[in-house]
């Protein structure tokens, strides 16, 4: 009888130990799942951080060059004015030199993303794409609300307009 009682006591202890081990295993599994969840969240946050900083870096480079491009636009305008005046005097050699320098400068800026905004005389005026400087009486009825003259060229840097073309429209 003592053996049976001792055997039952041992069995109870084994069952209790087994239950305790199972409870401990469940606790460890819960802790493991929590740590996995923390890791996944941290990894996702880091991926978002990388994307955000890459985007900010690209924006920084584009805005840094934007300021330089804007400061060089008056020089391109001066080259245009100079070439018009030199053409009037018919000094072909001087004109060739000025145009060579202007084209070199524009090509350098073009390689950095600068481009002309496409606008022609006779195009329909659009306040979103053009800056109206003034209105003059239209030379004909079909030129009412259209671009009569282009005062200053417009430029884009990539897809962003950095200077809208200044135009005269017919009324």
C-alpha atoms as a PDB file:
ATOM      1  CA  UNK A   1       0.000   0.000   0.000  1.00  0.00           C
ATOM      2  CA  UNK A   2       2.757   2.336   0.787  1.00  0.00           C
ATOM      3  CA  UNK A   3       4.170   1.575  -2.642  1.00  0.00           C
ATOM      4  CA  UNK A   4       0.855   2.456  -4.310  1.00  0.00           C
ATOM      5  CA  UNK A   5       0.587   5.745  -2.375  1.00  0.00           C
ATOM      6  CA  UNK A   6       4.186   6.574  -3.190  1.00  0.00           C
ATOM      7  CA  UNK A   7       3.614   5.681  -6.847  1.00  0.00           C
ATOM      8  CA  UNK A   8       0.510   7.917  -7.032  1.00  0.00           C
ATOM      9  CA  UNK A   9       2.450  10.717  -5.351  1.00  0.00           C
ATOM     10  CA  UNK A  10       5.235  10.398  -7.937  1.00  0.00           C
ATOM     11  CA  UNK A  11       2.666  10.333 -10.754  1.00  0.00           C
ATOM     12  CA  UNK A  12       1.030  13.497  -9.373  1.00  0.00           C
ATOM     13  CA  UNK A  13       4.422  15.208  -9.165  1.00  0.00           C
ATOM     14  CA  UNK A  14       5.198  14.193 -12.763  1.00  0.00           C
ATOM     15  CA  UNK A  15       1.805  15.517 -13.936  1.00  0.00           C
ATOM     16  CA  UNK A  16       2.317  18.770 -11.988  1.00  0.00           C
ATOM     17  CA  UNK A  17       5.813  19.169 -13.453  1.00  0.00           C
ATOM     18  CA  UNK A  18       4.453  18.473 -16.924  1.00  0.00           C
ATOM     19  CA  UNK A  19       1.692  21.063 -16.441  1.00  0.00           C
ATOM     20  CA  UNK A  20       4.231  23.578 -15.133  1.00  0.00           C
ATOM     21  CA  UNK A  21       6.464  22.899 -18.156  1.00  0.00           C
ATOM     22  CA  UNK A  22       3.530  23.390 -20.506  1.00  0.00           C
ATOM     23  CA  UNK A  23       2.617  26.680 -18.801  1.00  0.00           C
ATOM     24  CA  UNK A  24       6.255  27.783 -18.985  1.00  0.00           C
ATOM     25  CA  UNK A  25       6.404  26.766 -22.668  1.00  0.00           C
ATOM     26  CA  UNK A  26       3.278  28.848 -23.366  1.00  0.00           C
ATOM     27  CA  UNK A  27       4.802  31.838 -21.571  1.00  0.00           C
ATOM     28  CA  UNK A  28       8.028  31.486 -23.570  1.00  0.00           C
ATOM     29  CA  UNK A  29       6.047  31.145 -26.800  1.00  0.00           C
ATOM     30  CA  UNK A  30       4.102  34.318 -25.971  1.00  0.00           C
ATOM     31  CA  UNK A  31       7.338  36.171 -25.236  1.00  0.00           C
ATOM     32  CA  UNK A  32       8.810  34.891 -28.521  1.00  0.00           C
ATOM     33  CA  UNK A  33       5.757  36.086 -30.442  1.00  0.00           C
ATOM     34  CA  UNK A  34       5.980  39.508 -28.760  1.00  0.00           C
ATOM     35  CA  UNK A  35       9.655  39.795 -29.698  1.00  0.00           C
ATOM     36  CA  UNK A  36       8.900  38.736 -33.291  1.00  0.00           C
ATOM     37  CA  UNK A  37       6.173  41.373 -33.456  1.00  0.00           C
ATOM     38  CA  UNK A  38       8.534  44.043 -32.087  1.00  0.00           C
ATOM     39  CA  UNK A  39      11.175  43.014 -34.625  1.00  0.00           C
ATOM     40  CA  UNK A  40       8.734  43.175 -37.558  1.00  0.00           C
ATOM     41  CA  UNK A  41       7.494  46.604 -36.471  1.00  0.00           C
ATOM     42  CA  UNK A  42      11.049  47.868 -36.075  1.00  0.00           C
ATOM     43  CA  UNK A  43      11.987  46.472 -39.485  1.00  0.00           C
ATOM     44  CA  UNK A  44       8.953  48.138 -41.094  1.00  0.00           C
ATOM     45  CA  UNK A  45       9.797  51.451 -39.428  1.00  0.00           C
ATOM     46  CA  UNK A  46      13.369  51.205 -40.695  1.00  0.00           C
ATOM     47  CA  UNK A  47      12.186  50.497 -44.262  1.00  0.00           C
ATOM     48  CA  UNK A  48       9.887  53.531 -44.075  1.00  0.00           C
ATOM     49  CA  UNK A  49      12.782  55.612 -42.759  1.00  0.00           C
ATOM     50  CA  UNK A  50      15.008  54.526 -45.649  1.00  0.00           C
ATOM     51  CA  UNK A  51      12.315  55.384 -48.216  1.00  0.00           C
ATOM     52  CA  UNK A  52      11.604  58.736 -46.607  1.00  0.00           C
ATOM     53  CA  UNK A  53      15.274  59.768 -46.401  1.00  0.00           C
ATOM     54  CA  UNK A  54      15.891  58.707 -50.004  1.00  0.00           C
ATOM     55  CA  UNK A  55      12.934  60.821 -51.134  1.00  0.00           C
ATOM     56  CA  UNK A  56      14.130  63.777 -49.040  1.00  0.00           C
ATOM     57  CA  UNK A  57      17.617  63.458 -50.525  1.00  0.00           C
ATOM     58  CA  UNK A  58      16.228  63.543 -54.071  1.00  0.00           C
ATOM     59  CA  UNK A  59      14.100  66.586 -53.214  1.00  0.00           C
ATOM     60  CA  UNK A  60      17.122  68.298 -51.663  1.00  0.00           C
ATOM     61  CA  UNK A  61      19.218  67.788 -54.813  1.00  0.00           C
ATOM     62  CA  UNK A  62      16.437  69.076 -57.051  1.00  0.00           C
ATOM     63  CA  UNK A  63      15.787  72.164 -54.922  1.00  0.00           C
ATOM     64  CA  UNK A  64      19.489  72.908 -54.585  1.00  0.00           C
ATOM     65  CA  UNK A  65      19.934  72.926 -58.354  1.00  0.00           C
ATOM     66  CA  UNK A  66      16.661  74.849 -58.753  1.00  0.00           C
ATOM     67  CA  UNK A  67      18.123  77.904 -57.033  1.00  0.00           C
ATOM     68  CA  UNK A  68      21.221  77.820 -59.239  1.00  0.00           C
ATOM     69  CA  UNK A  69      19.117  77.380 -62.375  1.00  0.00           C
ATOM     70  CA  UNK A  70      16.845  80.296 -61.454  1.00  0.00           C
ATOM     71  CA  UNK A  71      19.870  82.518 -60.889  1.00  0.00           C
ATOM     72  CA  UNK A  72      21.250  81.617 -64.357  1.00  0.00           C
ATOM     73  CA  UNK A  73      18.020  82.275 -66.290  1.00  0.00           C
ATOM     74  CA  UNK A  74      18.619  86.049 -66.580  1.00  0.00           C
ATOM     75  CA  UNK A  75      21.965  85.272 -68.209  1.00  0.00           C
ATOM     76  CA  UNK A  76      20.217  83.168 -70.858  1.00  0.00           C
ATOM     77  CA  UNK A  77      17.791  86.064 -71.386  1.00  0.00           C
ATOM     78  CA  UNK A  78      20.719  88.453 -71.827  1.00  0.00           C
ATOM     79  CA  UNK A  79      22.238  86.159 -74.457  1.00  0.00           C
ATOM     80  CA  UNK A  80      18.913  86.179 -76.332  1.00  0.00           C
ATOM     81  CA  UNK A  81      18.765  89.986 -76.234  1.00  0.00           C
ATOM     82  CA  UNK A  82      22.410  90.286 -77.293  1.00  0.00           C
ATOM     83  CA  UNK A  83      21.930  87.960 -80.260  1.00  0.00           C
ATOM     84  CA  UNK A  84      18.875  89.975 -81.431  1.00  0.00           C
ATOM     85  CA  UNK A  85      20.853  93.232 -81.269  1.00  0.00           C
ATOM     86  CA  UNK A  86      23.912  91.758 -82.988  1.00  0.00           C
ATOM     87  CA  UNK A  87      21.682  90.418 -85.782  1.00  0.00           C
ATOM     88  CA  UNK A  88      20.467  93.981 -86.385  1.00  0.00           C
ATOM     89  CA  UNK A  89      24.072  95.174 -86.890  1.00  0.00           C
ATOM     90  CA  UNK A  90      24.752  92.158 -89.158  1.00  0.00           C
ATOM     91  CA  UNK A  91      28.032  91.305 -87.443  1.00  0.00           C
ATOM     92  CA  UNK A  92      28.061  87.597 -88.340  1.00  0.00           C
ATOM     93  CA  UNK A  93      31.302  86.682 -86.570  1.00  0.00           C
ATOM     94  CA  UNK A  94      30.259  88.320 -83.306  1.00  0.00           C
ATOM     95  CA  UNK A  95      26.830  86.715 -83.601  1.00  0.00           C
ATOM     96  CA  UNK A  96      28.387  83.273 -84.109  1.00  0.00           C
ATOM     97  CA  UNK A  97      30.531  83.731 -80.979  1.00  0.00           C
ATOM     98  CA  UNK A  98      27.620  84.869 -78.828  1.00  0.00           C
ATOM     99  CA  UNK A  99      25.404  82.023 -80.075  1.00  0.00           C
ATOM    100  CA  UNK A 100      28.190  79.494 -79.445  1.00  0.00           C
ATOM    101  CA  UNK A 101      28.560  80.612 -75.826  1.00  0.00           C
ATOM    102  CA  UNK A 102      24.767  80.753 -75.320  1.00  0.00           C
ATOM    103  CA  UNK A 103      24.298  77.255 -76.758  1.00  0.00           C
ATOM    104  CA  UNK A 104      27.116  75.860 -74.612  1.00  0.00           C
ATOM    105  CA  UNK A 105      25.564  77.328 -71.469  1.00  0.00           C
ATOM    106  CA  UNK A 106      22.077  76.132 -72.384  1.00  0.00           C
ATOM    107  CA  UNK A 107      23.346  72.624 -73.235  1.00  0.00           C
ATOM    108  CA  UNK A 108      25.120  72.429 -69.869  1.00  0.00           C
ATOM    109  CA  UNK A 109      21.946  73.469 -68.058  1.00  0.00           C
ATOM    110  CA  UNK A 110      19.876  71.126 -70.221  1.00  0.00           C
ATOM    111  CA  UNK A 111      22.064  68.193 -69.158  1.00  0.00           C
ATOM    112  CA  UNK A 112      21.119  69.052 -65.544  1.00  0.00           C
ATOM    113  CA  UNK A 113      17.394  68.887 -66.337  1.00  0.00           C
ATOM    114  CA  UNK A 114      16.532  72.384 -67.573  1.00  0.00           C
ATOM    115  CA  UNK A 115      14.159  72.656 -70.535  1.00  0.00           C
ATOM    116  CA  UNK A 116      12.126  75.341 -72.282  1.00  0.00           C
ATOM    117  CA  UNK A 117       8.389  75.575 -71.727  1.00  0.00           C
ATOM    118  CA  UNK A 118       6.866  75.096 -75.162  1.00  0.00           C
ATOM    119  CA  UNK A 119       4.862  78.216 -76.052  1.00  0.00           C
ATOM    120  CA  UNK A 120       4.269  79.829 -79.447  1.00  0.00           C
ATOM    121  CA  UNK A 121       2.545  82.945 -80.742  1.00  0.00           C
ATOM    122  CA  UNK A 122      -1.058  82.092 -81.486  1.00  0.00           C
ATOM    123  CA  UNK A 123      -1.364  79.478 -78.718  1.00  0.00           C
ATOM    124  CA  UNK A 124      -4.430  79.643 -76.509  1.00  0.00           C
ATOM    125  CA  UNK A 125      -3.695  81.528 -73.268  1.00  0.00           C
ATOM    126  CA  UNK A 126      -3.948  79.388 -70.142  1.00  0.00           C
ATOM    127  CA  UNK A 127      -3.483  81.086 -66.760  1.00  0.00           C
ATOM    128  CA  UNK A 128      -2.127  77.836 -65.291  1.00  0.00           C
ATOM    129  CA  UNK A 129       0.686  77.638 -67.871  1.00  0.00           C
ATOM    130  CA  UNK A 130       1.426  81.273 -68.744  1.00  0.00           C
ATOM    131  CA  UNK A 131       1.901  84.576 -66.967  1.00  0.00           C
ATOM    132  CA  UNK A 132       0.070  87.412 -68.700  1.00  0.00           C
ATOM    133  CA  UNK A 133       2.043  90.640 -68.574  1.00  0.00           C
ATOM    134  CA  UNK A 134      -0.470  92.751 -70.447  1.00  0.00           C
ATOM    135  CA  UNK A 135      -3.342  92.686 -72.921  1.00  0.00           C
ATOM    136  CA  UNK A 136      -3.379  94.538 -76.219  1.00  0.00           C
ATOM    137  CA  UNK A 137      -6.019  94.819 -78.908  1.00  0.00           C
ATOM    138  CA  UNK A 138      -5.882  91.656 -81.005  1.00  0.00           C
ATOM    139  CA  UNK A 139      -4.699  92.154 -84.603  1.00  0.00           C
ATOM    140  CA  UNK A 140      -7.551  89.904 -85.769  1.00  0.00           C
ATOM    141  CA  UNK A 141     -10.679  88.375 -84.239  1.00  0.00           C
ATOM    142  CA  UNK A 142      -9.176  84.871 -84.203  1.00  0.00           C
ATOM    143  CA  UNK A 143      -6.308  86.128 -81.944  1.00  0.00           C
ATOM    144  CA  UNK A 144      -8.624  87.205 -79.109  1.00  0.00           C
ATOM    145  CA  UNK A 145      -7.606  85.308 -75.939  1.00  0.00           C
ATOM    146  CA  UNK A 146      -4.475  83.985 -77.645  1.00  0.00           C
ATOM    147  CA  UNK A 147      -0.796  84.745 -77.181  1.00  0.00           C
ATOM    148  CA  UNK A 148       0.278  87.729 -79.293  1.00  0.00           C
ATOM    149  CA  UNK A 149       3.890  88.016 -78.095  1.00  0.00           C
ATOM    150  CA  UNK A 150       6.297  86.230 -75.767  1.00  0.00           C
ATOM    151  CA  UNK A 151       8.143  88.664 -73.490  1.00  0.00           C
ATOM    152  CA  UNK A 152      10.193  86.139 -71.519  1.00  0.00           C
ATOM    153  CA  UNK A 153      10.731  82.427 -72.088  1.00  0.00           C
ATOM    154  CA  UNK A 154       9.553  79.919 -69.505  1.00  0.00           C
ATOM    155  CA  UNK A 155      11.701  77.102 -68.133  1.00  0.00           C
ATOM    156  CA  UNK A 156      11.144  73.764 -66.421  1.00  0.00           C
ATOM    157  CA  UNK A 157      13.510  71.828 -64.204  1.00  0.00           C
ATOM    158  CA  UNK A 158      12.528  68.217 -64.679  1.00  0.00           C
ATOM    159  CA  UNK A 159       8.728  68.321 -64.525  1.00  0.00           C
ATOM    160  CA  UNK A 160       8.502  71.431 -62.319  1.00  0.00           C
ATOM    161  CA  UNK A 161       8.041  74.844 -63.920  1.00  0.00           C
ATOM    162  CA  UNK A 162      10.605  77.186 -62.334  1.00  0.00           C
ATOM    163  CA  UNK A 163       9.639  80.214 -64.449  1.00  0.00           C
ATOM    164  CA  UNK A 164       6.408  80.629 -66.349  1.00  0.00           C
ATOM    165  CA  UNK A 165       6.581  82.246 -69.796  1.00  0.00           C
ATOM    166  CA  UNK A 166       5.573  85.902 -69.692  1.00  0.00           C
ATOM    167  CA  UNK A 167       3.223  86.660 -72.556  1.00  0.00           C
ATOM    168  CA  UNK A 168       1.091  89.392 -74.096  1.00  0.00           C
ATOM    169  CA  UNK A 169      -2.455  88.330 -74.935  1.00  0.00           C
ATOM    170  CA  UNK A 170      -5.019  89.742 -77.320  1.00  0.00           C
ATOM    171  CA  UNK A 171      -8.292  91.184 -76.090  1.00  0.00           C
END
